[in-house]
N, C-alpha and C. Protein backbone atom coordinates (compact mmCIF):
# COMPACT_ATOMS: atom_id res chain seq x y z
N UNK A 1 0.86 -1.18 0.00
CA UNK A 1 0.00 0.00 0.00
C UNK A 1 0.90 1.22 0.00
N UNK A 2 0.50 2.23 -0.73
CA UNK A 2 1.26 3.47 -0.82
C UNK A 2 1.31 4.13 0.56
N UNK A 3 2.45 4.71 0.97
CA UNK A 3 2.56 5.32 2.31
C UNK A 3 1.52 6.39 2.58
N UNK A 4 1.18 7.21 1.58
CA UNK A 4 0.17 8.25 1.78
C UNK A 4 -1.20 7.64 2.04
N UNK A 5 -1.52 6.55 1.33
CA UNK A 5 -2.80 5.87 1.54
C UNK A 5 -2.84 5.24 2.92
N UNK A 6 -1.74 4.66 3.36
CA UNK A 6 -1.65 4.05 4.68
C UNK A 6 -1.85 5.11 5.76
N UNK A 7 -1.24 6.27 5.56
CA UNK A 7 -1.39 7.37 6.51
C UNK A 7 -2.85 7.82 6.57
N UNK A 8 -3.53 7.91 5.43
CA UNK A 8 -4.93 8.33 5.37
C UNK A 8 -5.82 7.31 6.09
N UNK A 9 -5.61 6.04 5.89
CA UNK A 9 -6.40 4.99 6.55
C UNK A 9 -6.18 5.06 8.06
N UNK A 10 -4.94 5.21 8.47
CA UNK A 10 -4.63 5.31 9.90
C UNK A 10 -5.34 6.51 10.51
N UNK A 11 -5.33 7.65 9.81
CA UNK A 11 -5.98 8.86 10.30
C UNK A 11 -7.48 8.65 10.44
N UNK A 12 -8.11 8.05 9.44
CA UNK A 12 -9.56 7.82 9.47
C UNK A 12 -9.95 6.87 10.59
N UNK A 13 -9.19 5.82 10.79
CA UNK A 13 -9.48 4.86 11.87
C UNK A 13 -9.30 5.53 13.22
N UNK A 14 -8.26 6.32 13.37
CA UNK A 14 -8.00 7.00 14.64
C UNK A 14 -9.08 8.03 14.96
N UNK A 15 -9.68 8.63 13.94
CA UNK A 15 -10.68 9.68 14.15
C UNK A 15 -12.11 9.13 14.22
N UNK A 16 -12.27 7.84 13.97
CA UNK A 16 -13.62 7.26 14.00
C UNK A 16 -14.15 7.29 15.43
N UNK A 17 -15.40 7.71 15.62
CA UNK A 17 -15.96 7.77 16.97
C UNK A 17 -16.10 6.37 17.55
N UNK A 18 -15.88 6.28 18.87
CA UNK A 18 -16.04 5.00 19.53
C UNK A 18 -17.50 4.85 19.96
N UNK A 19 -17.93 3.63 20.08
CA UNK A 19 -19.29 3.34 20.52
C UNK A 19 -19.20 2.58 21.83
N UNK A 20 -19.88 3.08 22.86
CA UNK A 20 -19.89 2.40 24.15
C UNK A 20 -20.69 1.10 24.02
N UNK A 21 -20.20 0.06 24.64
CA UNK A 21 -20.83 -1.26 24.59
C UNK A 21 -21.61 -1.51 25.88
N UNK A 22 -22.87 -1.88 25.75
CA UNK A 22 -23.71 -2.20 26.89
C UNK A 22 -23.29 -3.55 27.46
N UNK A 23 -22.91 -3.57 28.72
CA UNK A 23 -22.45 -4.78 29.39
C UNK A 23 -23.64 -5.70 29.71
N UNK A 24 -23.40 -7.00 29.86
CA UNK A 24 -24.49 -7.92 30.21
C UNK A 24 -25.20 -7.48 31.50
N UNK A 25 -26.51 -7.46 31.46
CA UNK A 25 -27.32 -7.06 32.61
C UNK A 25 -27.66 -5.59 32.64
N UNK A 26 -26.86 -4.76 31.97
CA UNK A 26 -27.10 -3.32 31.98
C UNK A 26 -28.35 -2.95 31.18
N UNK A 27 -28.78 -3.84 30.31
CA UNK A 27 -29.99 -3.57 29.53
C UNK A 27 -31.24 -3.55 30.40
N UNK A 28 -31.15 -4.06 31.62
CA UNK A 28 -32.29 -4.08 32.54
C UNK A 28 -32.39 -2.79 33.36
N UNK A 29 -31.37 -1.94 33.28
CA UNK A 29 -31.38 -0.67 34.02
C UNK A 29 -32.18 0.36 33.24
N UNK A 30 -33.16 0.96 33.91
CA UNK A 30 -33.95 2.02 33.31
C UNK A 30 -33.33 3.36 33.69
N UNK A 31 -33.28 4.27 32.74
CA UNK A 31 -32.75 5.62 32.98
C UNK A 31 -33.87 6.61 32.72
N UNK A 32 -34.07 7.55 33.64
CA UNK A 32 -35.11 8.55 33.47
C UNK A 32 -34.91 9.73 34.39
N UNK A 33 -35.79 10.70 34.28
CA UNK A 33 -35.71 11.91 35.12
C UNK A 33 -36.72 11.88 36.26
N UNK A 34 -37.73 11.04 36.15
CA UNK A 34 -38.80 11.00 37.16
C UNK A 34 -38.30 10.43 38.48
N UNK A 35 -38.93 10.89 39.56
CA UNK A 35 -38.62 10.33 40.87
C UNK A 35 -39.07 8.87 40.90
N UNK A 36 -38.28 8.00 41.51
CA UNK A 36 -38.71 6.60 41.61
C UNK A 36 -39.84 6.48 42.64
N UNK A 37 -40.63 5.44 42.52
CA UNK A 37 -41.69 5.20 43.49
C UNK A 37 -41.07 4.67 44.78
N UNK A 38 -41.89 4.51 45.81
CA UNK A 38 -41.36 4.14 47.12
C UNK A 38 -40.92 2.67 47.22
N UNK A 39 -41.01 1.92 46.13
CA UNK A 39 -40.52 0.54 46.18
C UNK A 39 -39.07 0.46 45.70
N UNK A 40 -38.40 1.62 45.59
CA UNK A 40 -36.99 1.68 45.23
C UNK A 40 -36.21 2.28 46.40
N UNK A 41 -34.98 1.81 46.59
CA UNK A 41 -34.10 2.31 47.63
C UNK A 41 -32.88 2.93 46.99
N UNK A 42 -32.51 4.11 47.49
CA UNK A 42 -31.34 4.83 46.98
C UNK A 42 -30.06 4.07 47.30
N UNK A 43 -29.24 3.84 46.28
CA UNK A 43 -27.93 3.21 46.47
C UNK A 43 -26.82 4.25 46.55
N UNK A 44 -26.97 5.35 45.79
CA UNK A 44 -25.97 6.39 45.84
C UNK A 44 -25.80 7.09 44.50
N UNK A 45 -24.89 8.08 44.48
CA UNK A 45 -24.66 8.82 43.24
C UNK A 45 -23.90 7.97 42.22
N UNK A 46 -24.10 8.31 40.96
CA UNK A 46 -23.48 7.57 39.87
C UNK A 46 -23.36 8.52 38.68
N UNK A 47 -22.47 8.21 37.76
CA UNK A 47 -22.37 9.04 36.57
C UNK A 47 -22.04 8.19 35.35
N UNK A 48 -22.33 8.76 34.21
CA UNK A 48 -21.97 8.17 32.92
C UNK A 48 -21.24 9.25 32.14
N UNK A 49 -20.06 8.93 31.64
CA UNK A 49 -19.20 9.91 31.00
C UNK A 49 -18.78 9.38 29.64
N UNK A 50 -18.66 10.29 28.68
CA UNK A 50 -18.12 9.94 27.37
C UNK A 50 -17.35 11.12 26.83
N UNK A 51 -16.28 10.84 26.12
CA UNK A 51 -15.44 11.87 25.51
C UNK A 51 -14.30 12.25 26.42
N UNK A 52 -13.32 12.90 25.82
CA UNK A 52 -12.19 13.38 26.61
C UNK A 52 -11.39 14.40 25.80
N UNK A 53 -10.55 15.11 26.51
CA UNK A 53 -9.63 16.02 25.85
C UNK A 53 -10.22 17.38 25.54
N UNK A 54 -9.36 18.17 24.92
CA UNK A 54 -9.68 19.55 24.60
C UNK A 54 -9.65 19.74 23.08
N UNK A 55 -10.76 20.18 22.52
CA UNK A 55 -10.81 20.47 21.09
C UNK A 55 -10.44 19.28 20.24
N UNK A 56 -9.56 19.52 19.27
CA UNK A 56 -9.12 18.47 18.35
C UNK A 56 -8.16 17.48 18.98
N UNK A 57 -7.78 17.71 20.24
CA UNK A 57 -6.86 16.80 20.93
C UNK A 57 -7.62 15.85 21.84
N UNK A 58 -8.75 15.42 21.39
CA UNK A 58 -9.57 14.50 22.15
C UNK A 58 -10.70 13.98 21.30
N UNK A 59 -11.68 13.40 21.95
CA UNK A 59 -12.83 12.86 21.25
C UNK A 59 -14.09 13.40 21.89
N UNK A 60 -14.98 14.00 21.09
CA UNK A 60 -16.21 14.56 21.60
C UNK A 60 -17.16 13.46 22.05
N UNK A 61 -17.69 13.61 23.25
CA UNK A 61 -18.62 12.64 23.79
C UNK A 61 -20.01 12.79 23.22
N UNK A 62 -20.82 11.73 23.38
CA UNK A 62 -22.20 11.76 22.92
C UNK A 62 -23.13 11.38 24.08
N UNK A 63 -24.37 11.84 23.97
CA UNK A 63 -25.38 11.50 24.96
C UNK A 63 -25.59 9.98 25.01
N UNK A 64 -25.68 9.36 23.84
CA UNK A 64 -25.95 7.92 23.77
C UNK A 64 -24.87 7.12 24.49
N UNK A 65 -23.60 7.45 24.25
CA UNK A 65 -22.51 6.72 24.92
C UNK A 65 -22.50 7.00 26.42
N UNK A 66 -22.81 8.25 26.82
CA UNK A 66 -22.86 8.58 28.24
C UNK A 66 -23.97 7.79 28.94
N UNK A 67 -25.12 7.63 28.29
CA UNK A 67 -26.22 6.85 28.86
C UNK A 67 -25.82 5.37 28.96
N UNK A 68 -25.17 4.86 27.93
CA UNK A 68 -24.71 3.46 27.97
C UNK A 68 -23.74 3.26 29.12
N UNK A 69 -22.80 4.19 29.30
CA UNK A 69 -21.84 4.08 30.40
C UNK A 69 -22.54 4.23 31.75
N UNK A 70 -23.57 5.09 31.82
CA UNK A 70 -24.36 5.23 33.05
C UNK A 70 -25.05 3.92 33.39
N UNK A 71 -25.67 3.30 32.40
CA UNK A 71 -26.35 2.01 32.62
C UNK A 71 -25.36 0.93 33.04
N UNK A 72 -24.18 0.90 32.42
CA UNK A 72 -23.15 -0.07 32.81
C UNK A 72 -22.73 0.14 34.27
N UNK A 73 -22.51 1.40 34.67
CA UNK A 73 -22.11 1.69 36.04
C UNK A 73 -23.22 1.36 37.03
N UNK A 74 -24.46 1.63 36.66
CA UNK A 74 -25.60 1.30 37.53
C UNK A 74 -25.73 -0.20 37.69
N UNK A 75 -25.52 -0.93 36.62
CA UNK A 75 -25.60 -2.39 36.68
C UNK A 75 -24.53 -2.96 37.61
N UNK A 76 -23.34 -2.37 37.58
CA UNK A 76 -22.26 -2.80 38.47
C UNK A 76 -22.67 -2.63 39.93
N UNK A 77 -23.47 -1.59 40.20
CA UNK A 77 -23.96 -1.35 41.57
C UNK A 77 -25.21 -2.19 41.88
N UNK A 78 -25.66 -2.99 40.92
CA UNK A 78 -26.87 -3.80 41.02
C UNK A 78 -28.12 -2.91 41.15
N UNK A 79 -28.08 -1.77 40.46
CA UNK A 79 -29.22 -0.84 40.46
C UNK A 79 -30.19 -1.24 39.35
N UNK A 80 -31.45 -0.84 39.54
CA UNK A 80 -32.49 -1.09 38.55
C UNK A 80 -32.92 0.19 37.86
N UNK A 81 -32.62 1.34 38.48
CA UNK A 81 -33.06 2.63 37.95
C UNK A 81 -31.99 3.68 38.21
N UNK A 82 -31.75 4.53 37.22
CA UNK A 82 -30.85 5.66 37.38
C UNK A 82 -31.64 6.92 37.09
N UNK A 83 -31.79 7.77 38.11
CA UNK A 83 -32.53 9.02 37.97
C UNK A 83 -31.55 10.13 37.61
N UNK A 84 -31.71 10.69 36.41
CA UNK A 84 -30.82 11.75 35.94
C UNK A 84 -31.02 13.01 36.77
N UNK A 85 -29.90 13.54 37.26
CA UNK A 85 -29.93 14.77 38.05
C UNK A 85 -29.43 15.94 37.20
N UNK A 86 -28.27 15.78 36.57
CA UNK A 86 -27.72 16.83 35.71
C UNK A 86 -27.09 16.22 34.46
N UNK A 87 -27.07 17.02 33.40
CA UNK A 87 -26.41 16.64 32.15
C UNK A 87 -25.48 17.79 31.77
N UNK A 88 -24.23 17.46 31.53
CA UNK A 88 -23.25 18.45 31.08
C UNK A 88 -22.76 18.03 29.70
N UNK A 89 -23.08 18.85 28.71
CA UNK A 89 -22.71 18.55 27.33
C UNK A 89 -21.34 19.13 27.02
N UNK A 90 -20.69 18.66 25.94
CA UNK A 90 -19.45 19.29 25.51
C UNK A 90 -19.68 20.80 25.33
N UNK A 91 -18.68 21.60 25.75
CA UNK A 91 -18.88 23.05 25.75
C UNK A 91 -17.54 23.78 25.69
N UNK A 92 -17.62 25.05 25.37
CA UNK A 92 -16.45 25.91 25.34
C UNK A 92 -16.18 26.41 26.74
N UNK A 93 -14.95 26.26 27.20
CA UNK A 93 -14.56 26.73 28.52
C UNK A 93 -13.20 27.38 28.41
N UNK A 94 -13.16 28.68 28.61
CA UNK A 94 -11.90 29.40 28.41
C UNK A 94 -11.51 29.31 26.95
N UNK A 95 -10.31 28.88 26.69
CA UNK A 95 -9.84 28.73 25.31
C UNK A 95 -9.95 27.31 24.81
N UNK A 96 -10.69 26.46 25.53
CA UNK A 96 -10.77 25.03 25.18
C UNK A 96 -12.22 24.60 24.96
N UNK A 97 -12.43 23.79 23.94
CA UNK A 97 -13.73 23.15 23.75
C UNK A 97 -13.64 21.80 24.47
N UNK A 98 -14.29 21.72 25.64
CA UNK A 98 -14.26 20.51 26.46
C UNK A 98 -15.14 19.45 25.80
N UNK A 99 -14.56 18.33 25.45
CA UNK A 99 -15.26 17.27 24.72
C UNK A 99 -16.11 16.36 25.60
N UNK A 100 -16.05 16.52 26.89
CA UNK A 100 -16.68 15.61 27.85
C UNK A 100 -18.20 15.76 27.89
N UNK A 101 -18.90 14.64 27.87
CA UNK A 101 -20.36 14.57 28.05
C UNK A 101 -20.56 13.80 29.34
N UNK A 102 -21.17 14.41 30.35
CA UNK A 102 -21.33 13.78 31.66
C UNK A 102 -22.80 13.81 32.08
N UNK A 103 -23.30 12.66 32.54
CA UNK A 103 -24.64 12.57 33.11
C UNK A 103 -24.49 12.14 34.56
N UNK A 104 -24.94 12.98 35.48
CA UNK A 104 -24.91 12.66 36.90
C UNK A 104 -26.30 12.17 37.29
N UNK A 105 -26.32 11.13 38.12
CA UNK A 105 -27.61 10.52 38.48
C UNK A 105 -27.53 9.92 39.87
N UNK A 106 -28.68 9.46 40.34
CA UNK A 106 -28.76 8.66 41.56
C UNK A 106 -29.18 7.27 41.14
N UNK A 107 -28.52 6.26 41.72
CA UNK A 107 -28.83 4.86 41.42
C UNK A 107 -29.79 4.32 42.47
N UNK A 108 -30.80 3.57 42.01
CA UNK A 108 -31.80 2.99 42.89
C UNK A 108 -31.95 1.50 42.62
N UNK A 109 -32.24 0.76 43.68
CA UNK A 109 -32.51 -0.68 43.58
C UNK A 109 -33.97 -0.91 43.94
N UNK A 110 -34.64 -1.73 43.14
CA UNK A 110 -36.03 -2.07 43.43
C UNK A 110 -36.03 -3.05 44.61
N UNK A 111 -36.70 -2.66 45.70
CA UNK A 111 -36.68 -3.49 46.91
C UNK A 111 -38.02 -4.15 47.20
N UNK A 112 -39.09 -3.66 46.56
CA UNK A 112 -40.41 -4.29 46.69
C UNK A 112 -40.98 -4.40 45.29
N UNK A 113 -41.83 -5.39 45.08
CA UNK A 113 -42.40 -5.60 43.75
C UNK A 113 -43.27 -4.44 43.29
N UNK A 114 -44.06 -3.88 44.21
CA UNK A 114 -44.99 -2.80 43.84
C UNK A 114 -44.84 -1.64 44.80
N UNK A 115 -45.18 -0.42 44.35
CA UNK A 115 -45.18 0.72 45.27
C UNK A 115 -46.29 0.56 46.30
N UNK A 116 -46.17 1.29 47.39
CA UNK A 116 -47.22 1.26 48.41
C UNK A 116 -48.51 1.78 47.82
N UNK A 117 -49.63 1.15 48.18
CA UNK A 117 -50.91 1.64 47.66
C UNK A 117 -51.23 3.01 48.24
N UNK A 118 -51.90 3.84 47.45
CA UNK A 118 -52.32 5.17 47.90
C UNK A 118 -53.81 5.09 48.18
N UNK A 119 -54.20 5.55 49.35
CA UNK A 119 -55.60 5.51 49.73
C UNK A 119 -56.42 6.32 48.74
N UNK A 120 -57.58 5.82 48.38
CA UNK A 120 -58.43 6.44 47.36
C UNK A 120 -58.77 7.89 47.68
N UNK A 121 -58.94 8.23 48.97
CA UNK A 121 -59.30 9.60 49.32
C UNK A 121 -58.16 10.57 49.00
N UNK A 122 -56.95 10.07 48.87
CA UNK A 122 -55.82 10.93 48.55
C UNK A 122 -55.77 11.31 47.07
N UNK A 123 -56.52 10.62 46.22
CA UNK A 123 -56.44 10.88 44.79
C UNK A 123 -57.80 11.15 44.15
N UNK A 124 -58.82 11.46 45.00
CA UNK A 124 -60.15 11.61 44.43
C UNK A 124 -60.31 12.86 43.58
N UNK A 125 -59.60 13.92 43.90
CA UNK A 125 -59.75 15.14 43.12
C UNK A 125 -58.37 15.63 42.68
N UNK A 126 -58.19 15.74 41.39
CA UNK A 126 -56.88 16.11 40.85
C UNK A 126 -56.40 17.45 41.38
N UNK A 127 -57.29 18.42 41.53
CA UNK A 127 -56.85 19.73 42.01
C UNK A 127 -56.51 19.66 43.49
N UNK A 128 -57.18 18.80 44.27
CA UNK A 128 -56.84 18.62 45.68
C UNK A 128 -55.46 17.98 45.82
N UNK A 129 -55.04 17.19 44.85
CA UNK A 129 -53.74 16.54 44.88
C UNK A 129 -52.62 17.50 44.52
N UNK A 130 -52.98 18.70 44.12
CA UNK A 130 -51.96 19.66 43.74
C UNK A 130 -51.61 19.60 42.27
N UNK A 131 -52.45 18.92 41.48
CA UNK A 131 -52.21 18.87 40.03
C UNK A 131 -52.71 20.18 39.47
N UNK A 132 -51.77 21.02 39.09
CA UNK A 132 -52.10 22.34 38.58
C UNK A 132 -51.39 22.54 37.26
N UNK A 133 -51.68 23.64 36.63
CA UNK A 133 -51.01 23.97 35.38
C UNK A 133 -51.97 23.92 34.21
N UNK A 134 -51.40 23.92 33.03
CA UNK A 134 -52.21 23.86 31.82
C UNK A 134 -52.88 22.51 31.73
N UNK A 135 -53.82 22.41 30.84
CA UNK A 135 -54.53 21.16 30.63
C UNK A 135 -53.56 20.03 30.31
N UNK A 136 -52.62 20.29 29.41
CA UNK A 136 -51.67 19.24 29.03
C UNK A 136 -50.78 18.86 30.21
N UNK A 137 -50.39 19.83 31.04
CA UNK A 137 -49.56 19.51 32.22
C UNK A 137 -50.34 18.64 33.20
N UNK A 138 -51.61 18.96 33.40
CA UNK A 138 -52.44 18.17 34.32
C UNK A 138 -52.58 16.74 33.81
N UNK A 139 -52.80 16.60 32.50
CA UNK A 139 -52.96 15.25 31.93
C UNK A 139 -51.65 14.47 32.00
N UNK A 140 -50.52 15.14 31.78
CA UNK A 140 -49.22 14.46 31.90
C UNK A 140 -49.01 13.96 33.32
N UNK A 141 -49.30 14.80 34.31
CA UNK A 141 -49.15 14.42 35.71
C UNK A 141 -50.05 13.22 36.03
N UNK A 142 -51.26 13.27 35.53
CA UNK A 142 -52.19 12.16 35.75
C UNK A 142 -51.65 10.88 35.13
N UNK A 143 -51.09 10.97 33.91
CA UNK A 143 -50.49 9.80 33.26
C UNK A 143 -49.34 9.24 34.09
N UNK A 144 -48.52 10.13 34.69
CA UNK A 144 -47.42 9.67 35.53
C UNK A 144 -47.92 8.92 36.75
N UNK A 145 -48.99 9.43 37.36
CA UNK A 145 -49.57 8.76 38.53
C UNK A 145 -50.05 7.36 38.16
N UNK A 146 -50.69 7.25 37.00
CA UNK A 146 -51.17 5.94 36.54
C UNK A 146 -49.99 5.02 36.25
N UNK A 147 -48.99 5.54 35.51
CA UNK A 147 -47.81 4.75 35.15
C UNK A 147 -47.06 4.24 36.39
N UNK A 148 -47.00 5.08 37.42
CA UNK A 148 -46.28 4.71 38.64
C UNK A 148 -47.10 3.79 39.54
N UNK A 149 -48.32 3.45 39.10
CA UNK A 149 -49.16 2.53 39.87
C UNK A 149 -49.90 3.18 41.01
N UNK A 150 -49.96 4.52 41.02
CA UNK A 150 -50.64 5.21 42.11
C UNK A 150 -52.12 5.40 41.83
N UNK A 151 -52.54 5.19 40.59
CA UNK A 151 -53.95 5.25 40.22
C UNK A 151 -54.32 4.00 39.44
N UNK A 152 -55.51 3.47 39.73
CA UNK A 152 -56.01 2.37 38.91
C UNK A 152 -56.55 2.94 37.61
N UNK A 153 -56.89 2.08 36.66
CA UNK A 153 -57.44 2.54 35.38
C UNK A 153 -58.74 3.32 35.60
N UNK A 154 -59.60 2.81 36.49
CA UNK A 154 -60.87 3.49 36.78
C UNK A 154 -60.64 4.87 37.40
N UNK A 155 -59.71 4.94 38.38
CA UNK A 155 -59.40 6.22 39.01
C UNK A 155 -58.82 7.20 37.98
N UNK A 156 -57.95 6.68 37.13
CA UNK A 156 -57.34 7.50 36.08
C UNK A 156 -58.42 8.09 35.18
N UNK A 157 -59.35 7.25 34.70
CA UNK A 157 -60.40 7.71 33.79
C UNK A 157 -61.30 8.74 34.48
N UNK A 158 -61.61 8.50 35.76
CA UNK A 158 -62.45 9.43 36.50
C UNK A 158 -61.78 10.81 36.62
N UNK A 159 -60.50 10.81 36.99
CA UNK A 159 -59.76 12.07 37.13
C UNK A 159 -59.58 12.76 35.79
N UNK A 160 -59.37 11.99 34.75
CA UNK A 160 -59.20 12.54 33.40
C UNK A 160 -60.48 13.28 32.98
N UNK A 161 -61.64 12.66 33.25
CA UNK A 161 -62.93 13.29 32.92
C UNK A 161 -63.10 14.60 33.69
N UNK A 162 -62.69 14.61 34.97
CA UNK A 162 -62.82 15.82 35.80
C UNK A 162 -61.94 16.94 35.23
N UNK A 163 -60.73 16.60 34.85
CA UNK A 163 -59.80 17.60 34.30
C UNK A 163 -60.34 18.15 32.98
N UNK A 164 -60.82 17.26 32.12
CA UNK A 164 -61.31 17.68 30.81
C UNK A 164 -62.61 18.46 30.88
N UNK A 165 -63.39 18.26 31.96
CA UNK A 165 -64.67 18.95 32.07
C UNK A 165 -64.53 20.37 32.55
N UNK A 166 -63.36 20.76 33.02
CA UNK A 166 -63.15 22.13 33.53
C UNK A 166 -62.96 23.11 32.42
C-alpha cells in the first residue's frame, strides 16, 4: 500500500468515533428523570461519561454513549433505575472546547415488587392533589400517577374526565 494511503487509513481509523458497549445485565437498568416510586431504595450517586480532551486533541462525547456508560455503572452497583440529576454537554470553557459529556444521576434498587398503595381519598380530586397547570400539564401528571401505579385505570379515567370537564 502506498505510504500516503496508509497514513490516510490510519488517520480515518484514529478519528472514528467509539461506541460504548452495553455490558451484560445493563440492559435491565432504566434511565429517566422522574422520581422513583417508594418501592426503590437509593444506592448512591453515579455518573456516565463519554469523551475526553480539549478540542481536536480528544474525542467529543455523545449522549448515547454517556447513557450506555451510566447504565453499565448502575448495573455494576446492582441498580435497577438511574434518575438523571444533571447533564453536562461538551462546551467551550476558556480557550478550550471541552469534549466531555457527563450525566450525573442517583442509582436505585427495586426493593419491593410494587409501590405502596395510595388511599383512594388521597387521589379523588386532581386539584386537591396539587395537580395544577395547563390542561396538558395536568394530563401528563395524571399519566405519571397511573404509570407509577398510584392510580387504577378506573381512578385515572375518573380524574381525566374531571380535568377535561373544567
